[in-house]
Amino acid sequence: MPYAVKHKDKDLYISGTTSEKAARYDHGLVEKEYAKIYATESGAKSARGQWALTMDRYELVRDQAMYDLVEVVEVKF
């Protein structure tokens, strides 16, 4: 089953496109048709962690609020 990283409260996802047709919402999230789809759950979990990284005093750290904003979900076509 394929997976995506989705906003917990809204129907928005981590982007899988650079297309200008995709409307960007808070934190660069996009609508489902432009979502990045992952073949495995572990791939989606890794992407969630990477998406939540932020720079803090010259080092990358995970922004827990950003991490908690999204969740890994199964994608149904």
N, C-alpha and C. Protein backbone atom coordinates (compact mmCIF):
# COMPACT_ATOMS: atom_id res chain seq x y z
N MET A 1 0.83 -1.18 0.00
CA MET A 1 0.00 0.00 0.00
C MET A 1 0.88 1.24 0.00
N PRO A 2 0.63 2.23 -0.85
CA PRO A 2 1.42 3.47 -0.85
C PRO A 2 1.04 4.39 0.31
N TYR A 3 1.94 5.29 0.65
CA TYR A 3 1.77 6.18 1.79
C TYR A 3 2.06 7.62 1.40
N ALA A 4 1.53 8.55 2.19
CA ALA A 4 1.80 9.98 2.02
C ALA A 4 1.89 10.60 3.41
N VAL A 5 2.41 11.81 3.46
CA VAL A 5 2.50 12.56 4.72
C VAL A 5 1.47 13.68 4.64
N LYS A 6 0.47 13.62 5.53
CA LYS A 6 -0.70 14.49 5.49
C LYS A 6 -0.80 15.37 6.73
N HIS A 7 -1.30 16.58 6.55
CA HIS A 7 -1.61 17.47 7.68
C HIS A 7 -2.68 16.79 8.53
N LYS A 8 -2.56 16.85 9.83
CA LYS A 8 -3.50 16.14 10.71
C LYS A 8 -4.93 16.65 10.63
N ASP A 9 -5.12 17.95 10.40
CA ASP A 9 -6.47 18.52 10.42
C ASP A 9 -7.00 18.92 9.05
N LYS A 10 -6.13 19.07 8.09
CA LYS A 10 -6.54 19.53 6.75
C LYS A 10 -6.17 18.47 5.72
N ASP A 11 -6.80 18.53 4.57
CA ASP A 11 -6.51 17.59 3.50
C ASP A 11 -5.36 18.14 2.64
N LEU A 12 -4.19 18.34 3.26
CA LEU A 12 -3.00 18.86 2.60
C LEU A 12 -1.84 17.92 2.86
N TYR A 13 -0.90 17.87 1.90
CA TYR A 13 0.17 16.88 1.92
C TYR A 13 1.52 17.51 1.61
N ILE A 14 2.59 16.78 1.93
CA ILE A 14 3.93 17.19 1.53
C ILE A 14 3.98 17.13 0.01
N SER A 15 4.56 18.13 -0.59
CA SER A 15 4.58 18.26 -2.05
C SER A 15 5.48 17.24 -2.72
N GLY A 16 5.01 16.79 -3.89
CA GLY A 16 5.81 15.90 -4.71
C GLY A 16 6.05 16.50 -6.08
N THR A 17 5.87 17.82 -6.21
CA THR A 17 6.01 18.49 -7.50
C THR A 17 6.63 19.86 -7.35
N THR A 18 7.21 20.34 -8.43
CA THR A 18 7.69 21.72 -8.48
C THR A 18 6.81 22.55 -9.40
N SER A 19 5.73 21.95 -9.88
CA SER A 19 4.81 22.62 -10.79
C SER A 19 4.24 23.90 -10.18
N GLU A 20 4.16 24.93 -10.99
CA GLU A 20 3.57 26.18 -10.54
C GLU A 20 2.05 26.08 -10.47
N LYS A 21 1.47 25.03 -11.05
CA LYS A 21 0.03 24.82 -11.00
C LYS A 21 -0.43 24.43 -9.60
N ALA A 22 0.46 23.86 -8.81
CA ALA A 22 0.12 23.42 -7.45
C ALA A 22 0.05 24.61 -6.51
N ALA A 23 -1.11 24.82 -5.92
CA ALA A 23 -1.26 25.89 -4.93
C ALA A 23 -0.52 25.47 -3.66
N ARG A 24 0.26 26.38 -3.12
CA ARG A 24 1.01 26.12 -1.89
C ARG A 24 0.26 26.73 -0.71
N TYR A 25 0.12 25.95 0.34
CA TYR A 25 -0.56 26.42 1.54
C TYR A 25 0.46 26.53 2.67
N ASP A 26 0.00 26.67 3.88
CA ASP A 26 0.91 26.80 5.03
C ASP A 26 1.99 25.72 5.00
N HIS A 27 3.22 26.14 5.25
CA HIS A 27 4.37 25.23 5.34
C HIS A 27 4.67 24.52 4.02
N GLY A 28 4.20 25.05 2.91
CA GLY A 28 4.48 24.47 1.60
C GLY A 28 3.66 23.23 1.26
N LEU A 29 2.63 22.95 2.03
CA LEU A 29 1.79 21.77 1.77
C LEU A 29 0.91 22.02 0.55
N VAL A 30 0.52 20.92 -0.12
CA VAL A 30 -0.26 21.00 -1.36
C VAL A 30 -1.47 20.08 -1.28
N GLU A 31 -2.36 20.20 -2.27
CA GLU A 31 -3.53 19.33 -2.34
C GLU A 31 -3.12 17.92 -2.75
N LYS A 32 -4.02 16.97 -2.56
CA LYS A 32 -3.72 15.55 -2.73
C LYS A 32 -3.14 15.20 -4.11
N GLU A 33 -3.66 15.81 -5.18
CA GLU A 33 -3.18 15.44 -6.50
C GLU A 33 -1.72 15.81 -6.75
N TYR A 34 -1.14 16.66 -5.92
CA TYR A 34 0.26 17.05 -6.05
C TYR A 34 1.13 16.46 -4.93
N ALA A 35 0.58 15.56 -4.16
CA ALA A 35 1.29 14.98 -3.01
C ALA A 35 2.41 14.05 -3.44
N LYS A 36 3.42 13.98 -2.61
CA LYS A 36 4.51 13.01 -2.80
C LYS A 36 4.01 11.68 -2.25
N ILE A 37 4.10 10.61 -3.06
CA ILE A 37 3.65 9.29 -2.66
C ILE A 37 4.89 8.43 -2.40
N TYR A 38 4.88 7.70 -1.29
CA TYR A 38 5.99 6.85 -0.89
C TYR A 38 5.57 5.40 -0.98
N ALA A 39 6.46 4.55 -1.46
CA ALA A 39 6.15 3.13 -1.63
C ALA A 39 6.05 2.39 -0.30
N THR A 40 6.79 2.86 0.69
CA THR A 40 6.79 2.18 1.99
C THR A 40 6.45 3.14 3.11
N GLU A 41 5.97 2.59 4.20
CA GLU A 41 5.65 3.39 5.37
C GLU A 41 6.93 3.99 5.97
N SER A 42 7.99 3.22 5.96
CA SER A 42 9.25 3.73 6.52
C SER A 42 9.77 4.91 5.69
N GLY A 43 9.57 4.88 4.39
CA GLY A 43 9.97 6.00 3.54
C GLY A 43 9.19 7.25 3.88
N ALA A 44 7.90 7.11 4.11
CA ALA A 44 7.05 8.25 4.48
C ALA A 44 7.44 8.78 5.86
N LYS A 45 7.76 7.89 6.79
CA LYS A 45 8.18 8.33 8.13
C LYS A 45 9.49 9.10 8.06
N SER A 46 10.40 8.65 7.22
CA SER A 46 11.67 9.34 7.04
C SER A 46 11.44 10.73 6.44
N ALA A 47 10.56 10.81 5.46
CA ALA A 47 10.24 12.10 4.83
C ALA A 47 9.61 13.05 5.84
N ARG A 48 8.76 12.54 6.70
CA ARG A 48 8.13 13.36 7.75
C ARG A 48 9.20 13.99 8.64
N GLY A 49 10.18 13.19 9.04
CA GLY A 49 11.25 13.70 9.87
C GLY A 49 12.10 14.73 9.16
N GLN A 50 12.40 14.50 7.88
CA GLN A 50 13.19 15.44 7.10
C GLN A 50 12.45 16.75 6.87
N TRP A 51 11.13 16.65 6.66
CA TRP A 51 10.30 17.83 6.42
C TRP A 51 10.28 18.73 7.66
N ALA A 52 10.39 18.16 8.82
CA ALA A 52 10.30 18.93 10.06
C ALA A 52 11.64 19.50 10.53
N LEU A 53 12.69 19.35 9.75
CA LEU A 53 13.99 19.89 10.15
C LEU A 53 14.02 21.40 9.99
N THR A 54 14.71 22.05 10.91
CA THR A 54 14.89 23.50 10.86
C THR A 54 16.29 23.84 11.36
N MET A 55 16.76 25.02 10.99
CA MET A 55 18.10 25.44 11.39
C MET A 55 18.03 26.16 12.74
N ASP A 56 18.89 25.75 13.66
CA ASP A 56 18.96 26.39 14.97
C ASP A 56 20.42 26.54 15.36
N ARG A 57 20.88 27.78 15.34
CA ARG A 57 22.28 28.06 15.70
C ARG A 57 23.27 27.20 14.95
N TYR A 58 23.20 27.24 13.65
CA TYR A 58 24.15 26.58 12.76
C TYR A 58 24.05 25.05 12.75
N GLU A 59 22.95 24.50 13.23
CA GLU A 59 22.77 23.06 13.14
C GLU A 59 21.31 22.74 12.84
N LEU A 60 21.08 21.62 12.17
CA LEU A 60 19.72 21.18 11.87
C LEU A 60 19.15 20.43 13.06
N VAL A 61 17.95 20.80 13.45
CA VAL A 61 17.25 20.13 14.55
C VAL A 61 15.80 19.90 14.12
N ARG A 62 15.16 18.91 14.71
CA ARG A 62 13.77 18.65 14.39
C ARG A 62 12.88 19.61 15.15
N ASP A 63 12.01 20.27 14.42
CA ASP A 63 11.01 21.16 15.01
C ASP A 63 9.83 20.28 15.40
N GLN A 64 9.67 20.02 16.69
CA GLN A 64 8.65 19.09 17.16
C GLN A 64 7.24 19.54 16.79
N ALA A 65 6.98 20.83 16.79
CA ALA A 65 5.66 21.34 16.42
C ALA A 65 5.35 21.01 14.96
N MET A 66 6.34 21.17 14.09
CA MET A 66 6.15 20.83 12.67
C MET A 66 5.96 19.32 12.52
N TYR A 67 6.75 18.55 13.23
CA TYR A 67 6.66 17.09 13.17
C TYR A 67 5.26 16.62 13.59
N ASP A 68 4.73 17.23 14.64
CA ASP A 68 3.42 16.85 15.15
C ASP A 68 2.27 17.36 14.29
N LEU A 69 2.55 18.28 13.38
CA LEU A 69 1.53 18.85 12.51
C LEU A 69 1.06 17.88 11.44
N VAL A 70 1.91 16.92 11.07
CA VAL A 70 1.60 15.97 9.99
C VAL A 70 1.65 14.53 10.50
N GLU A 71 1.07 13.64 9.69
CA GLU A 71 1.06 12.21 10.03
C GLU A 71 1.21 11.40 8.75
N VAL A 72 1.64 10.16 8.90
CA VAL A 72 1.75 9.24 7.77
C VAL A 72 0.42 8.54 7.59
N VAL A 73 -0.09 8.54 6.35
CA VAL A 73 -1.38 7.89 6.06
C VAL A 73 -1.24 7.00 4.82
N GLU A 74 -2.09 5.97 4.76
CA GLU A 74 -2.17 5.14 3.57
C GLU A 74 -2.94 5.91 2.51
N VAL A 75 -2.49 5.79 1.28
CA VAL A 75 -3.16 6.47 0.17
C VAL A 75 -4.04 5.46 -0.55
N LYS A 76 -5.29 5.84 -0.77
CA LYS A 76 -6.22 4.98 -1.49
C LYS A 76 -6.59 5.68 -2.78
N PHE A 77 -6.47 4.97 -3.88
CA PHE A 77 -6.78 5.55 -5.20
C PHE A 77 -8.18 5.18 -5.61
